[in-house]
C-alpha cells in the first residue's frame, strides 16, 4: 500500500523517545542495566537509548546516589557502580555475607594462594608467557594458568614472536571482579617484580606449553573458585631447553 509522502512504511516500527516512556531516562537505564551480564560502557548505553552521553552519565550518577540513600531515602540492597570499563548493577557490599550464603550454600570458595600469586604476576607483567611466570614464582604454573583461564580471569592474548610461546593477560572480567576501570588502578607493586628482559629465553621449561586450552569454558560467577590445580616444581631450564 502506498504511504503518504514522509510517512513511515507499515513495517517500520517507530520507537518511542526514551523521555516519553514511563519513568523517563532513569527507568530506561534501569531496564537495560537489569539484563546486563557485564559492565556496559556509557557510550554504548547512550547509543542504545539515543540520548547524549552527558545526559546518560548524569542519570547514572543520580541513580547510584539514590540507591545508596544519599537523598535520605532507604539504602537499597543493590548498588550501581562503574567497574571493568562500564556500569552495572551489583548487590551491595553490606549484604555480601547474605548473598554468599544464598549463592554458595554456605560454602566459601576462594582462589588458592598459588593462583593468587600467579594472577598477580600476570596482571603486573602482561603480556607474559607461562615460562616467564614460572621463572618469577620458581614453580611450574601450567595447571594454575589453566585454572585462571577457566575462571575467565586471564586469557591468551598473543604469541611471542621469537619463541611462539603463548602470552597471557588479564580480562575485562578480572577488572570487574577487582572493581577497577583500568589496569592503571593496580597498586604500585610492579617494581618488586623482575623485568621481563631478565626472563628472556625461559620459555623452554618443561611442560610449560601443554595442550591447547578450550575457549568454551565459561567464567565462574562467584568471586573466585577453589583452585584444584597444584603447583609442581619447575624443572631446571638447562634440562628442558628445546622442548615444545
Protein backbone atom coordinates (compact mmCIF):
# COMPACT_ATOMS: atom_id res chain seq x y z
CA UNK A 1 0.00 0.00 0.00
CA UNK A 2 1.31 3.42 -0.91
CA UNK A 3 2.04 5.62 2.08
CA UNK A 4 1.69 9.42 2.19
CA UNK A 5 4.87 11.29 1.48
CA UNK A 6 7.11 11.33 4.54
CA UNK A 7 5.07 8.71 6.42
CA UNK A 8 6.89 5.58 7.65
CA UNK A 9 6.15 2.27 5.98
CA UNK A 10 3.82 -0.08 7.84
CA UNK A 11 6.66 -2.50 8.58
CA UNK A 12 8.83 0.20 10.10
CA UNK A 13 8.42 0.33 13.88
CA UNK A 14 8.76 3.81 15.29
CA UNK A 15 10.41 3.53 18.72
CA UNK A 16 9.12 6.00 21.29
CA UNK A 17 11.58 8.53 22.65
CA UNK A 18 13.14 7.42 25.92
CA UNK A 19 11.86 10.50 27.72
CA UNK A 20 8.28 9.62 26.71
CA UNK A 21 8.43 6.21 28.40
CA UNK A 22 7.20 5.72 31.99
CA UNK A 23 9.96 6.88 34.32
CA UNK A 24 11.91 8.56 31.52
CA UNK A 25 15.65 8.13 31.09
CA UNK A 26 16.36 6.77 34.60
CA UNK A 27 13.81 3.98 34.19
CA UNK A 28 15.12 3.16 30.71
CA UNK A 29 18.65 2.87 32.10
CA UNK A 30 17.42 0.59 34.88
CA UNK A 31 15.65 -1.63 32.37
CA UNK A 32 18.80 -2.06 30.29
CA UNK A 33 21.14 -2.50 33.24
CA UNK A 34 18.93 -5.18 34.78
CA UNK A 35 19.54 -7.51 31.83
CA UNK A 36 23.27 -6.78 31.51
CA UNK A 37 25.62 -9.63 32.41
CA UNK A 38 28.71 -7.44 32.17
CA UNK A 39 29.51 -3.73 32.63
CA UNK A 40 28.14 -1.54 29.82
CA UNK A 41 30.16 1.49 28.67
CA UNK A 42 28.41 4.86 28.82
CA UNK A 43 28.78 5.34 25.08
CA UNK A 44 27.02 2.04 24.42
CA UNK A 45 24.17 2.99 26.73
CA UNK A 46 23.82 6.39 25.08
CA UNK A 47 23.77 4.80 21.63
CA UNK A 48 21.12 2.24 22.59
CA UNK A 49 18.87 4.87 24.19
CA UNK A 50 19.61 7.58 21.61
CA UNK A 51 20.45 10.05 24.36
CA UNK A 52 23.56 12.29 24.70
CA UNK A 53 26.42 10.74 26.65
CA UNK A 54 26.46 13.58 29.22
CA UNK A 55 22.76 13.01 29.98
CA UNK A 56 23.33 9.29 30.45
CA UNK A 57 26.34 9.85 32.72
CA UNK A 58 24.41 12.35 34.85
CA UNK A 59 21.48 9.95 35.17
CA UNK A 60 23.80 7.09 36.16
CA UNK A 61 25.36 9.13 38.95
CA UNK A 62 21.90 10.20 40.15
CA UNK A 63 20.72 6.58 40.22
CA UNK A 64 23.84 5.47 42.08
CA UNK A 65 23.25 8.17 44.72
CA UNK A 66 19.58 7.22 45.01
CA UNK A 67 20.42 3.55 45.56
CA UNK A 68 22.94 4.48 48.27
CA UNK A 69 20.28 6.54 50.06
CA UNK A 70 22.23 9.79 49.69
CA UNK A 71 18.97 11.74 49.40
CA UNK A 72 17.73 10.46 52.75
CA UNK A 73 15.83 7.57 51.25
CA UNK A 74 16.20 3.89 52.11
CA UNK A 75 19.54 2.39 51.02
CA UNK A 76 18.91 -0.43 48.57
CA UNK A 77 20.28 -3.94 48.72
CA UNK A 78 21.95 -3.28 45.39
CA UNK A 79 24.14 -0.54 44.01
CA UNK A 80 25.09 0.90 40.65
CA UNK A 81 28.80 1.40 40.11
CA UNK A 82 31.41 1.82 37.41
CA UNK A 83 33.82 -1.09 37.03
CA UNK A 84 35.51 -3.00 34.24
CA UNK A 85 35.10 -0.15 31.76
CA UNK A 86 31.35 0.25 32.19
CA UNK A 87 28.37 0.42 34.53
CA UNK A 88 26.48 -2.45 36.11
CA UNK A 89 24.12 -3.21 38.99
CA UNK A 90 25.70 -5.19 41.85
CA UNK A 91 24.50 -6.43 45.22
CA UNK A 92 25.51 -4.02 47.97
CA UNK A 93 28.75 -4.95 49.81
CA UNK A 94 26.95 -4.71 53.15
CA UNK A 95 24.90 -7.75 52.15
CA UNK A 96 27.81 -9.80 50.78
CA UNK A 97 27.57 -12.43 53.52
CA UNK A 98 23.85 -12.95 52.95
CA UNK A 99 24.30 -13.19 49.19
CA UNK A 100 27.23 -15.54 49.67
CA UNK A 101 25.17 -17.91 51.77
CA UNK A 102 22.47 -17.97 49.13
CA UNK A 103 24.74 -18.40 46.11
CA UNK A 104 27.27 -20.78 47.63
CA UNK A 105 25.04 -22.73 50.01
CA UNK A 106 27.15 -21.74 52.99
CA UNK A 107 30.44 -22.76 51.35
CA UNK A 108 33.21 -20.27 50.76
CA UNK A 109 35.18 -20.81 47.57
CA UNK A 110 38.34 -18.83 47.00
CA UNK A 111 41.40 -18.98 44.80
CA UNK A 112 44.37 -20.66 46.41
CA UNK A 113 47.47 -18.70 47.33
CA UNK A 114 49.25 -20.22 44.32
CA UNK A 115 46.53 -18.98 41.97
CA UNK A 116 46.53 -15.52 43.52
CA UNK A 117 50.30 -15.21 43.19
CA UNK A 118 50.20 -16.34 39.57
CA UNK A 119 47.36 -13.94 38.81
CA UNK A 120 49.34 -11.08 40.36
CA UNK A 121 52.39 -11.78 38.19
CA UNK A 122 50.26 -11.88 35.04
CA UNK A 123 48.41 -8.70 36.00
CA UNK A 124 51.58 -6.69 36.58
CA UNK A 125 53.79 -8.09 33.79
CA UNK A 126 51.29 -8.77 30.99
CA UNK A 127 51.58 -9.85 28.29
CA UNK A 128 53.68 -12.63 29.75
CA UNK A 129 54.31 -16.29 28.95
CA UNK A 130 53.85 -19.20 31.33
CA UNK A 131 57.60 -19.76 31.27
CA UNK A 132 58.22 -16.21 32.46
CA UNK A 133 55.60 -16.53 35.20
CA UNK A 134 57.21 -19.80 36.30
CA UNK A 135 60.60 -18.09 36.44
CA UNK A 136 59.18 -15.42 38.76
CA UNK A 137 57.42 -17.91 41.05
CA UNK A 138 60.02 -20.68 40.88
CA UNK A 139 57.42 -23.37 40.16
CA UNK A 140 55.58 -24.80 37.18
CA UNK A 141 52.37 -22.75 36.81
CA UNK A 142 50.86 -24.69 33.90
CA UNK A 143 47.91 -26.05 35.86
CA UNK A 144 47.29 -22.79 37.72
CA UNK A 145 47.19 -20.80 34.48
CA UNK A 146 44.65 -23.25 33.07
CA UNK A 147 42.52 -22.69 36.18
CA UNK A 148 42.72 -18.90 35.81
CA UNK A 149 41.76 -19.18 32.14
CA UNK A 150 38.78 -21.38 33.07
CA UNK A 151 37.72 -18.80 35.66
CA UNK A 152 37.78 -16.13 32.97
CA UNK A 153 40.36 -14.06 34.86
CA UNK A 154 43.16 -14.37 32.28
CA UNK A 155 43.27 -15.19 28.58
CA UNK A 156 45.83 -15.84 25.88
CA UNK A 157 46.36 -12.51 24.14
CA UNK A 158 49.04 -13.38 21.59
CA UNK A 159 52.28 -15.22 20.91
CA UNK A 160 55.89 -14.35 21.48
CA UNK A 161 57.29 -13.61 18.00
CA UNK A 162 60.63 -15.23 18.88
CA UNK A 163 59.62 -18.39 20.75
CA UNK A 164 56.00 -18.90 19.71
CA UNK A 165 55.02 -19.20 23.37
CA UNK A 166 51.51 -18.06 24.29
CA UNK A 167 51.32 -14.70 26.03
CA UNK A 168 48.71 -14.15 28.73
CA UNK A 169 46.98 -11.08 30.10
CA UNK A 170 44.07 -10.26 32.37
CA UNK A 171 40.49 -9.93 31.10
CA UNK A 172 37.66 -7.46 31.50
CA UNK A 173 36.14 -9.90 33.98
CA UNK A 174 39.29 -9.54 36.12
CA UNK A 175 38.86 -5.74 36.15
CA UNK A 176 35.21 -6.16 37.04
CA UNK A 177 35.92 -8.51 39.96
CA UNK A 178 38.64 -6.17 41.24
CA UNK A 179 36.39 -3.12 40.88
CA UNK A 180 38.84 -1.39 38.54
CA UNK A 181 38.11 0.55 35.39
CA UNK A 182 41.64 0.09 34.04
CA UNK A 183 44.94 -1.57 34.91
CA UNK A 184 46.31 1.85 35.87
CA UNK A 185 44.46 1.40 39.17
CA UNK A 186 46.61 -1.56 40.22
CA UNK A 187 48.67 -0.79 43.36
CA UNK A 188 52.35 0.04 42.63
CA UNK A 189 53.72 -3.48 43.14
CA UNK A 190 55.41 -3.94 39.76
CA UNK A 191 58.81 -2.51 40.85
CA UNK A 192 59.18 -5.54 43.15
CA UNK A 193 58.96 -7.99 40.21
CA UNK A 194 61.93 -8.74 37.93
CA UNK A 195 62.00 -7.10 34.50
CA UNK A 196 60.87 -9.24 31.59
CA UNK A 197 64.28 -8.57 29.99
CA UNK A 198 65.78 -10.73 32.74
CA UNK A 199 63.45 -13.61 31.85
CA UNK A 200 64.14 -13.92 28.12
CA UNK A 201 64.77 -17.43 26.86
CA UNK A 202 62.89 -19.13 29.69
CA UNK A 203 60.03 -20.48 27.57
CA UNK A 204 61.75 -23.82 27.12
CA UNK A 205 60.88 -25.00 30.64
CA UNK A 206 59.40 -28.49 30.58
CA UNK A 207 55.65 -28.86 30.11
CA UNK A 208 55.03 -25.13 30.20
CA UNK A 209 53.20 -25.07 26.91
CA UNK A 210 50.92 -28.01 27.50
CA UNK A 211 47.89 -28.94 25.39
CA UNK A 212 45.67 -26.29 23.86
CA UNK A 213 43.03 -24.95 26.25
CA UNK A 214 39.34 -24.95 25.45
CA UNK A 215 37.97 -21.49 24.71
CA UNK A 216 34.43 -22.56 25.52
CA UNK A 217 34.78 -22.68 29.30
CA UNK A 218 32.51 -20.04 30.81
CA UNK A 219 33.89 -17.86 33.60
CA UNK A 220 32.67 -18.54 37.12
CA UNK A 221 30.08 -16.15 38.50
CA UNK A 222 31.44 -16.34 42.02
CA UNK A 223 34.21 -14.21 43.48
CA UNK A 224 36.76 -16.94 42.90
CA UNK A 225 36.75 -20.68 42.92
CA UNK A 226 38.81 -23.22 44.77
CA UNK A 227 41.89 -23.90 42.70
CA UNK A 228 42.08 -27.62 42.06
CA UNK A 229 45.45 -27.36 40.33
CA UNK A 230 48.57 -27.64 42.44
CA UNK A 231 51.98 -26.19 41.69
CA UNK A 232 54.71 -28.57 40.63
CA UNK A 233 58.36 -27.57 40.97
CA UNK A 234 59.74 -26.34 37.67
CA UNK A 235 62.49 -28.42 36.14
CA UNK A 236 65.88 -26.72 35.62
CA UNK A 237 65.91 -24.73 32.39
CA UNK A 238 69.14 -26.39 31.24
CA UNK A 239 67.41 -29.78 31.22
CA UNK A 240 64.37 -28.60 29.27
CA UNK A 241 65.84 -26.46 26.51
CA UNK A 242 64.41 -27.34 23.14
CA UNK A 243 61.14 -28.82 24.41
CA UNK A 244 58.00 -27.63 22.60
